[in-house]
Amino acid sequence: MIRHRVDVAVIGGGPAGLIAAAAAKENGAERVYLLDRNHWLGGILPQCIHDGFGVGEMGESLTGPEYAEICLERAEKLGVTIMNETMALNLEGTSITAVNREGVHRIEAKSVVVATGCREKTRWIAMIPGTRPSGVYTAGVAQAFINLYNRMIGKKVVILGSGNVGLIMARRLKLEGAEVIGVVEILPYATGLPRNVVQCLEDYNIPLLLSHTVTEIHGQERLEGLTISQVDEHLKPIKGTERYIECDTLLLSLGLLPENEFLKSAGALLDPRTGGPVVNQDLETSLPGVFSCGNSLHVHDSVDMLAEEARLAGKNAALYGMRKGPLKVIEVLPGQNVSYVLPQRIDRSGKVVISLRARTTMKEGALLSVSDERKEIFRKKLRSAIPSTMIRIRVDITEDVLNGEKLEVDISER
């Protein structure tokens, strides 16, 4: 077994991992290792050839490969040790067992940042009935076929789900000459960013069919068509609304799931609302010295939000051990019209960034408030609250607030 002693070990070489590793170096960690199972770094970004990355952070609109290259160059310039084609097998405390072509490695770290990204939801999560023909892809797999391997996936395409990757692929397929029949969404609103609905669908006259879903897949060797149905307010198909659509390709854009089997097997407490670990304001998980960031913590709207969070995780991992342990821990809970909040725990006074998503759309204006058992401590007027758009606020947590038991975050009508 090959042994290493490091200050910070980062698991995952996507944008979050690269940025966290660089931040750890910038905040005093001398020996920073970054592990990734792939032979390339940048995670999903090399196949995201559209622009829009880094606008808020760098002031220019970059493609995914360009943004990934900048993150990698920064980490390498700062002296981060890269271990690609390395699989992290397990985590005990802050010690990692990993394997690559050189053998088995035992990496003893003072702190660890887990940035393992996310995975796409599949047909089987949605439980779509019918046959199992070729021509059914997740949107990310279709993106890889076209952008990385120059393989066209079909001629007549239906997209189920209005997640951002699916919206972007609707435009991409249209530009490649495919007939994009439409995007079918079971919810009464699009789940992707509003700008992607405009730029990827409306600008290309691609229909968006809300409150509908695919109720059967047809075809043997190759997909031949789909049955779609309207759904009621409980998202159940309405009998008599079935319609057959002839197509040869179905893309699934059903959302993303944080990839956390590694943390789960290590014993970290996971939040069923986000799919990621429960963390405090430093992004430290329930495992002491183990931090989380990026899409493995919760799914982000943009790389700019992800970058801010990754820098915080890398910084706090580097400073781990220099701060006193928590004297009091309070819970942060989602309240009225809030699907989740993060962090779920606060154990120190000061300014805390709270991320949250609305449960339902409120377009006519909304009021966001944060309260403890005794009083309201934060209030902000919102122009709208949309589930597809993450909301981030900075709340001043005083010692008096820490004397309580919990905080609740609510979104109500003004």
Protein backbone atom coordinates (compact mmCIF):
# COMPACT_ATOMS: atom_id res chain seq x y z
CA MET A 1 0.00 0.00 0.00
CA ILE A 2 1.27 3.46 -0.97
CA ARG A 3 0.84 5.96 1.85
CA HIS A 4 0.43 9.74 1.61
CA ARG A 5 0.06 12.42 4.25
CA VAL A 6 -1.70 15.55 3.01
CA ASP A 7 -3.42 18.62 4.38
CA VAL A 8 -6.54 18.52 2.17
CA ALA A 9 -7.77 15.75 -0.12
CA VAL A 10 -10.44 16.59 -2.70
CA ILE A 11 -12.51 13.79 -4.25
CA GLY A 12 -13.88 14.73 -7.66
CA GLY A 13 -12.19 16.65 -10.48
CA GLY A 14 -15.14 18.55 -11.88
CA PRO A 15 -15.38 22.35 -11.59
CA ALA A 16 -16.34 22.18 -7.88
CA GLY A 17 -13.41 19.92 -7.01
CA LEU A 18 -10.90 21.95 -9.02
CA ILE A 19 -12.06 25.24 -7.51
CA ALA A 20 -12.13 23.81 -3.96
CA ALA A 21 -8.61 22.41 -4.35
CA ALA A 22 -7.30 25.77 -5.59
CA ALA A 23 -9.05 27.58 -2.72
CA ALA A 24 -7.47 25.23 -0.19
CA LYS A 25 -4.01 26.08 -1.55
CA GLU A 26 -4.81 29.80 -1.52
CA ASN A 27 -5.81 29.56 2.14
CA GLY A 28 -2.63 27.96 3.44
CA ALA A 29 -2.92 24.22 2.81
CA GLU A 30 0.52 23.09 1.64
CA ARG A 31 -0.22 19.58 0.39
CA VAL A 32 -3.49 19.34 -1.54
CA TYR A 33 -4.37 16.19 -3.49
CA LEU A 34 -7.20 15.94 -6.00
CA LEU A 35 -8.54 12.50 -6.97
CA ASP A 36 -10.73 11.75 -9.98
CA ARG A 37 -11.70 8.43 -11.53
CA ASN A 38 -11.62 9.73 -15.12
CA HIS A 39 -8.57 10.27 -17.31
CA TRP A 40 -9.73 13.84 -17.98
CA LEU A 41 -10.60 16.62 -15.52
CA GLY A 42 -13.47 19.06 -15.65
CA GLY A 43 -16.30 16.62 -15.02
CA ILE A 44 -19.20 17.14 -17.42
CA LEU A 45 -17.88 20.46 -18.76
CA PRO A 46 -15.87 19.09 -21.74
CA GLN A 47 -19.12 18.01 -23.41
CA CYS A 48 -20.89 21.34 -22.70
CA ILE A 49 -19.76 23.19 -25.80
CA HIS A 50 -22.39 25.94 -25.43
CA ASP A 51 -21.36 29.22 -23.82
CA GLY A 52 -22.72 30.86 -20.68
CA PHE A 53 -20.15 29.66 -18.16
CA GLY A 54 -18.31 32.11 -15.91
CA VAL A 55 -20.33 35.22 -16.76
CA GLY A 56 -20.76 36.31 -13.17
CA GLU A 57 -17.34 35.16 -11.98
CA MET A 58 -15.06 36.07 -14.88
CA GLY A 59 -17.09 38.68 -16.69
CA GLU A 60 -17.20 36.78 -19.98
CA SER A 61 -19.26 34.01 -21.47
CA LEU A 62 -17.15 30.86 -21.84
CA THR A 63 -17.85 27.40 -23.18
CA GLY A 64 -17.68 24.45 -20.81
CA PRO A 65 -14.27 23.26 -22.08
CA GLU A 66 -12.85 26.78 -21.79
CA TYR A 67 -14.10 27.16 -18.23
CA ALA A 68 -12.76 23.73 -17.25
CA GLU A 69 -9.34 24.55 -18.70
CA ILE A 70 -9.13 27.76 -16.68
CA CYS A 71 -10.03 25.89 -13.46
CA LEU A 72 -7.47 23.17 -14.18
CA GLU A 73 -4.68 25.62 -15.03
CA ARG A 74 -5.31 27.55 -11.80
CA ALA A 75 -5.15 24.40 -9.68
CA GLU A 76 -1.96 23.18 -11.39
CA LYS A 77 -0.31 26.60 -11.11
CA LEU A 78 -0.99 26.65 -7.36
CA GLY A 79 0.65 23.24 -6.96
CA VAL A 80 -2.33 20.92 -6.46
CA THR A 81 -1.27 17.27 -6.89
CA ILE A 82 -3.55 15.66 -9.47
CA MET A 83 -4.33 11.94 -9.24
CA ASN A 84 -6.60 11.16 -12.20
CA GLU A 85 -7.70 7.64 -13.18
CA THR A 86 -7.88 7.08 -9.42
CA MET A 87 -10.93 5.56 -7.76
CA ALA A 88 -11.67 6.47 -4.17
CA LEU A 89 -12.94 3.28 -2.54
CA ASN A 90 -13.83 4.27 1.00
CA LEU A 91 -13.52 6.95 3.63
CA GLU A 92 -12.68 6.32 7.30
CA GLY A 93 -12.59 9.54 9.27
CA THR A 94 -10.47 11.69 6.98
CA SER A 95 -8.45 8.78 5.57
CA ILE A 96 -9.14 7.68 1.99
CA THR A 97 -8.40 4.32 0.41
CA ALA A 98 -8.01 4.67 -3.35
CA VAL A 99 -6.73 2.58 -6.24
CA ASN A 100 -5.13 3.30 -9.61
CA ARG A 101 -2.61 1.66 -11.95
CA GLU A 102 0.18 2.22 -9.45
CA GLY A 103 -1.63 0.21 -6.76
CA VAL A 104 -3.62 0.83 -3.61
CA HIS A 105 -3.18 4.19 -1.89
CA ARG A 106 -3.89 5.23 1.68
CA ILE A 107 -4.27 9.00 1.81
CA GLU A 108 -4.18 10.36 5.36
CA ALA A 109 -5.66 13.86 5.20
CA LYS A 110 -6.32 16.50 7.82
CA SER A 111 -9.57 17.31 6.02
CA VAL A 112 -11.48 16.10 2.96
CA VAL A 113 -13.70 17.82 0.39
CA VAL A 114 -16.19 15.59 -1.43
CA ALA A 115 -17.22 16.98 -4.84
CA THR A 116 -18.47 13.90 -6.65
CA GLY A 117 -21.11 15.65 -8.76
CA CYS A 118 -24.48 14.22 -9.75
CA ARG A 119 -26.14 11.74 -12.08
CA GLU A 120 -29.20 11.87 -14.31
CA LYS A 121 -32.56 10.38 -13.43
CA THR A 122 -33.49 7.53 -15.74
CA ARG A 123 -36.62 6.05 -17.27
CA TRP A 124 -36.89 3.61 -14.38
CA ILE A 125 -37.10 6.37 -11.80
CA ALA A 126 -40.02 7.84 -13.75
CA MET A 127 -41.53 4.35 -14.21
CA ILE A 128 -42.50 4.90 -17.86
CA PRO A 129 -44.29 1.79 -19.16
CA GLY A 130 -43.82 0.18 -22.55
CA THR A 131 -41.20 -1.71 -24.50
CA ARG A 132 -37.42 -1.30 -24.31
CA PRO A 133 -36.32 -0.21 -27.81
CA SER A 134 -33.18 1.66 -28.76
CA GLY A 135 -33.53 5.40 -29.18
CA VAL A 136 -34.19 6.26 -25.52
CA TYR A 137 -31.40 8.35 -23.97
CA THR A 138 -30.84 10.62 -21.03
CA ALA A 139 -30.14 14.15 -22.20
CA GLY A 140 -26.55 14.09 -20.92
CA VAL A 141 -25.73 10.87 -22.78
CA ALA A 142 -27.20 12.33 -25.97
CA GLN A 143 -25.08 15.44 -25.43
CA ALA A 144 -21.94 13.31 -25.13
CA PHE A 145 -22.76 11.34 -28.30
CA ILE A 146 -23.17 14.51 -30.37
CA ASN A 147 -20.59 16.87 -28.87
CA LEU A 148 -17.79 14.42 -28.03
CA TYR A 149 -18.21 11.55 -30.49
CA ASN A 150 -19.92 13.26 -33.45
CA ARG A 151 -22.75 10.70 -33.45
CA MET A 152 -26.27 11.83 -34.33
CA ILE A 153 -28.87 10.12 -32.16
CA GLY A 154 -32.05 10.43 -34.25
CA LYS A 155 -34.19 12.41 -36.67
CA LYS A 156 -37.55 12.94 -34.93
CA VAL A 157 -37.05 13.73 -31.25
CA VAL A 158 -39.30 14.22 -28.22
CA ILE A 159 -37.82 15.46 -24.94
CA LEU A 160 -39.46 14.44 -21.66
CA GLY A 161 -38.73 16.90 -18.89
CA SER A 162 -37.72 20.54 -19.09
CA GLY A 163 -34.46 20.41 -17.14
CA ASN A 164 -31.65 22.65 -18.32
CA VAL A 165 -29.70 19.91 -20.13
CA GLY A 166 -32.82 18.88 -22.02
CA LEU A 167 -33.59 22.46 -23.04
CA ILE A 168 -30.03 22.98 -24.26
CA MET A 169 -30.17 19.70 -26.19
CA ALA A 170 -33.44 20.76 -27.85
CA ARG A 171 -31.59 23.68 -29.38
CA ARG A 172 -28.53 21.58 -30.20
CA LEU A 173 -30.59 18.95 -32.03
CA LYS A 174 -32.44 21.63 -33.96
CA LEU A 175 -29.14 23.10 -35.10
CA GLU A 176 -27.98 19.64 -36.15
CA GLY A 177 -31.00 19.27 -38.41
CA ALA A 178 -33.25 17.03 -36.30
CA GLU A 179 -36.98 17.62 -36.01
CA VAL A 180 -37.60 18.42 -32.36
CA ILE A 181 -41.29 17.70 -32.00
CA GLY A 182 -41.49 19.23 -28.55
CA VAL A 183 -40.63 19.20 -24.87
CA VAL A 184 -43.14 17.43 -22.60
CA GLU A 185 -43.22 18.48 -18.93
CA ILE A 186 -45.38 16.85 -16.24
CA LEU A 187 -45.39 19.98 -14.04
CA PRO A 188 -47.37 23.14 -14.86
CA TYR A 189 -44.10 25.06 -15.22
CA ALA A 190 -40.70 24.49 -16.78
CA THR A 191 -38.05 23.15 -14.40
CA GLY A 192 -35.12 24.68 -16.29
CA LEU A 193 -33.98 28.29 -16.03
CA PRO A 194 -36.33 30.83 -17.64
CA ARG A 195 -33.52 32.09 -19.89
CA ASN A 196 -33.03 28.58 -21.28
CA VAL A 197 -36.75 28.30 -22.05
CA VAL A 198 -36.48 31.50 -24.08
CA GLN A 199 -33.11 30.91 -25.77
CA CYS A 200 -33.50 27.17 -26.45
CA LEU A 201 -37.22 26.73 -27.11
CA GLU A 202 -39.00 29.97 -27.90
CA ASP A 203 -36.23 31.33 -30.14
CA TYR A 204 -36.38 28.11 -32.20
CA ASN A 205 -40.18 27.65 -32.18
CA ILE A 206 -39.95 24.39 -30.24
CA PRO A 207 -43.22 23.65 -28.42
CA LEU A 208 -43.33 23.23 -24.63
CA LEU A 209 -46.24 21.07 -23.51
CA LEU A 210 -46.87 21.58 -19.79
CA SER A 211 -48.93 19.30 -17.50
CA HIS A 212 -48.33 16.35 -19.83
CA THR A 213 -46.20 13.21 -19.62
CA VAL A 214 -45.24 10.11 -21.58
CA THR A 215 -47.52 7.23 -20.61
CA GLU A 216 -46.19 4.56 -22.97
CA ILE A 217 -43.19 3.82 -25.17
CA HIS A 218 -43.78 1.97 -28.46
CA GLY A 219 -41.40 0.01 -30.67
CA GLN A 220 -39.34 -3.17 -30.70
CA GLU A 221 -35.83 -2.80 -32.12
CA ARG A 222 -36.10 1.00 -32.45
CA LEU A 223 -38.44 3.52 -30.87
CA GLU A 224 -41.45 4.08 -33.14
CA GLY A 225 -43.62 6.42 -31.12
CA LEU A 226 -44.93 7.61 -27.76
CA THR A 227 -48.26 7.99 -26.06
CA ILE A 228 -48.51 11.24 -24.12
CA SER A 229 -51.31 12.20 -21.76
CA GLN A 230 -52.43 15.26 -19.87
CA VAL A 231 -52.09 15.05 -16.07
CA ASP A 232 -54.28 16.40 -13.28
CA GLU A 233 -53.27 18.49 -10.27
CA HIS A 234 -51.98 15.32 -8.60
CA LEU A 235 -49.76 14.58 -11.65
CA LYS A 236 -51.89 11.54 -12.56
CA PRO A 237 -52.67 10.88 -16.27
CA ILE A 238 -56.21 11.86 -17.26
CA LYS A 239 -58.05 9.13 -19.14
CA GLY A 240 -59.22 10.17 -22.58
CA THR A 241 -56.40 12.67 -23.15
CA GLU A 242 -54.00 10.13 -24.70
CA ARG A 243 -52.28 11.17 -27.92
CA TYR A 244 -49.85 9.20 -30.07
CA ILE A 245 -46.70 10.90 -31.39
CA GLU A 246 -44.55 9.28 -34.03
CA CYS A 247 -40.82 9.66 -33.28
CA ASP A 248 -37.58 7.67 -33.33
CA THR A 249 -35.85 9.24 -30.31
CA LEU A 250 -36.81 10.10 -26.73
CA LEU A 251 -34.54 12.22 -24.54
CA LEU A 252 -35.08 12.12 -20.79
CA SER A 253 -34.40 15.37 -18.95
CA LEU A 254 -35.96 14.40 -15.64
CA GLY A 255 -33.53 16.13 -13.30
CA LEU A 256 -30.33 15.29 -11.47
CA LEU A 257 -29.48 13.37 -8.32
CA PRO A 258 -26.46 14.22 -6.14
CA GLU A 259 -23.94 11.36 -6.25
CA ASN A 260 -23.40 10.49 -2.60
CA GLU A 261 -22.95 6.74 -2.28
CA PHE A 262 -19.38 7.45 -1.15
CA LEU A 263 -20.47 9.70 1.72
CA LYS A 264 -23.42 7.47 2.58
CA SER A 265 -21.17 4.43 2.98
CA ALA A 266 -18.88 6.51 5.21
CA GLY A 267 -21.81 7.23 7.54
CA ALA A 268 -22.60 10.84 6.64
CA LEU A 269 -26.11 12.08 7.42
CA LEU A 270 -27.98 12.82 4.17
CA ASP A 271 -30.88 15.24 3.65
CA PRO A 272 -33.76 13.52 1.79
CA ARG A 273 -34.87 16.90 0.42
CA THR A 274 -31.60 17.70 -1.39
CA GLY A 275 -30.14 14.22 -1.80
CA GLY A 276 -26.87 15.64 -0.48
CA PRO A 277 -25.30 15.61 2.98
CA VAL A 278 -26.46 17.70 5.91
CA VAL A 279 -23.90 20.50 6.38
CA ASN A 280 -23.23 23.49 8.61
CA GLN A 281 -22.39 27.04 7.49
CA ASP A 282 -18.80 25.94 6.69
CA LEU A 283 -20.18 23.16 4.43
CA GLU A 284 -18.83 20.58 6.87
CA THR A 285 -20.84 17.37 6.91
CA SER A 286 -21.81 15.33 9.97
CA LEU A 287 -18.41 13.64 9.60
CA PRO A 288 -15.83 15.87 11.34
CA GLY A 289 -13.33 17.32 8.87
CA VAL A 290 -15.28 16.17 5.81
CA PHE A 291 -16.76 18.93 3.63
CA SER A 292 -19.03 18.85 0.59
CA CYS A 293 -19.70 21.19 -2.33
CA GLY A 294 -20.97 21.33 -5.88
CA ASN A 295 -23.74 19.19 -7.30
CA SER A 296 -23.03 16.38 -4.85
CA LEU A 297 -24.23 18.76 -2.12
CA HIS A 298 -27.26 20.09 -4.02
CA VAL A 299 -27.98 20.66 -7.69
CA HIS A 300 -27.04 24.16 -8.85
CA ASP A 301 -28.47 26.46 -11.50
CA SER A 302 -25.15 27.79 -12.72
CA VAL A 303 -21.42 27.26 -12.40
CA ASP A 304 -21.06 30.74 -10.87
CA MET A 305 -23.10 29.72 -7.80
CA LEU A 306 -21.23 26.43 -7.66
CA ALA A 307 -17.87 28.23 -7.78
CA GLU A 308 -18.70 30.48 -4.84
CA GLU A 309 -19.70 27.48 -2.77
CA ALA A 310 -16.65 25.41 -3.80
CA ARG A 311 -14.30 28.22 -2.76
CA LEU A 312 -15.99 28.30 0.65
CA ALA A 313 -15.59 24.54 1.09
CA GLY A 314 -11.93 24.62 0.03
CA LYS A 315 -11.16 27.54 2.32
CA ASN A 316 -12.84 25.97 5.35
CA ALA A 317 -11.15 22.62 4.69
CA ALA A 318 -7.79 24.40 4.72
CA LEU A 319 -8.65 26.20 7.98
CA TYR A 320 -10.12 23.11 9.65
CA GLY A 321 -8.68 22.62 13.13
CA MET A 322 -7.92 26.31 13.60
CA ARG A 323 -11.42 27.11 14.85
CA LYS A 324 -13.02 26.20 18.15
CA GLY A 325 -15.65 23.49 18.11
CA PRO A 326 -19.35 24.44 18.18
CA LEU A 327 -20.84 25.48 21.49
CA LYS A 328 -24.43 25.36 20.24
CA VAL A 329 -26.04 24.00 17.07
CA ILE A 330 -29.36 25.23 15.69
CA GLU A 331 -31.34 23.64 12.89
CA VAL A 332 -32.43 25.49 9.75
CA LEU A 333 -35.73 24.16 8.41
CA PRO A 334 -37.77 24.77 5.24
CA GLY A 335 -41.12 26.32 6.02
CA GLN A 336 -44.02 27.64 3.95
CA ASN A 337 -43.49 27.18 0.18
CA VAL A 338 -39.81 26.20 0.62
CA SER A 339 -38.68 22.81 -0.70
CA TYR A 340 -35.24 22.83 0.95
CA VAL A 341 -32.69 25.02 2.70
CA LEU A 342 -28.93 24.78 3.02
CA PRO A 343 -27.05 24.78 5.37
CA GLN A 344 -29.27 22.67 7.58
CA ARG A 345 -27.24 23.50 10.69
CA ILE A 346 -25.54 26.64 12.04
CA ASP A 347 -23.07 26.50 14.91
CA ARG A 348 -21.33 29.86 14.83
CA SER A 349 -22.40 33.51 14.72
CA GLY A 350 -21.66 35.73 11.73
CA LYS A 351 -22.89 36.20 8.17
CA VAL A 352 -24.27 32.94 6.75
CA VAL A 353 -25.25 32.29 3.13
CA ILE A 354 -28.52 30.37 2.99
CA SER A 355 -29.54 28.69 -0.28
CA LEU A 356 -33.11 27.62 -0.89
CA ARG A 357 -35.72 26.82 -3.53
CA ALA A 358 -39.40 27.66 -3.65
CA ARG A 359 -41.79 24.72 -3.73
CA THR A 360 -44.28 26.38 -6.11
CA THR A 361 -44.24 29.37 -8.45
CA MET A 362 -45.23 32.77 -7.11
CA LYS A 363 -45.00 35.24 -9.99
CA GLU A 364 -46.89 38.15 -8.46
CA GLY A 365 -44.30 38.87 -5.81
CA ALA A 366 -43.31 37.09 -2.65
CA LEU A 367 -41.93 37.78 0.80
CA LEU A 368 -39.03 35.70 2.11
CA SER A 369 -38.56 35.62 5.86
CA VAL A 370 -36.29 33.86 8.35
CA SER A 371 -37.56 33.48 11.92
CA ASP A 372 -36.62 31.74 15.13
CA GLU A 373 -39.12 30.71 17.80
CA ARG A 374 -39.25 34.26 19.13
CA LYS A 375 -39.01 36.74 16.25
CA GLU A 376 -38.31 37.41 12.60
CA ILE A 377 -34.60 38.02 11.98
CA PHE A 378 -34.57 38.53 8.20
CA ARG A 379 -37.02 39.76 5.56
CA LYS A 380 -36.67 40.31 1.83
CA LYS A 381 -39.14 41.13 -0.93
CA LEU A 382 -38.85 38.98 -4.06
CA ARG A 383 -40.16 39.85 -7.50
CA SER A 384 -41.02 36.20 -7.96
CA ALA A 385 -40.24 32.77 -6.57
CA ILE A 386 -39.70 29.97 -9.11
CA PRO A 387 -38.66 26.40 -8.21
CA SER A 388 -36.16 26.33 -11.08
CA THR A 389 -34.25 29.35 -9.75
CA MET A 390 -32.18 29.00 -6.59
CA ILE A 391 -32.49 31.82 -4.07
CA ARG A 392 -29.47 32.86 -2.00
CA ILE A 393 -29.52 35.25 0.94
CA ARG A 394 -27.01 36.41 3.54
CA VAL A 395 -28.33 36.36 7.07
CA ASP A 396 -26.63 37.82 10.14
CA ILE A 397 -26.61 35.11 12.82
CA THR A 398 -26.09 36.71 16.22
CA GLU A 399 -25.24 35.05 19.50
CA ASP A 400 -28.84 35.72 20.55
CA VAL A 401 -30.12 33.76 17.54
CA LEU A 402 -27.81 30.87 18.48
CA ASN A 403 -29.53 30.71 21.86
CA GLY A 404 -32.63 29.40 20.10
CA GLU A 405 -33.33 25.90 18.86
CA LYS A 406 -34.13 26.40 15.17
CA LEU A 407 -34.66 28.79 12.28
CA GLU A 408 -37.47 28.50 9.75
CA VAL A 409 -37.35 29.92 6.22
CA ASP A 410 -40.71 30.86 4.64
CA ILE A 411 -41.90 32.31 1.35
CA SER A 412 -45.35 33.91 1.47
CA GLU A 413 -47.42 36.30 -0.61
CA ARG A 414 -46.77 39.96 0.08
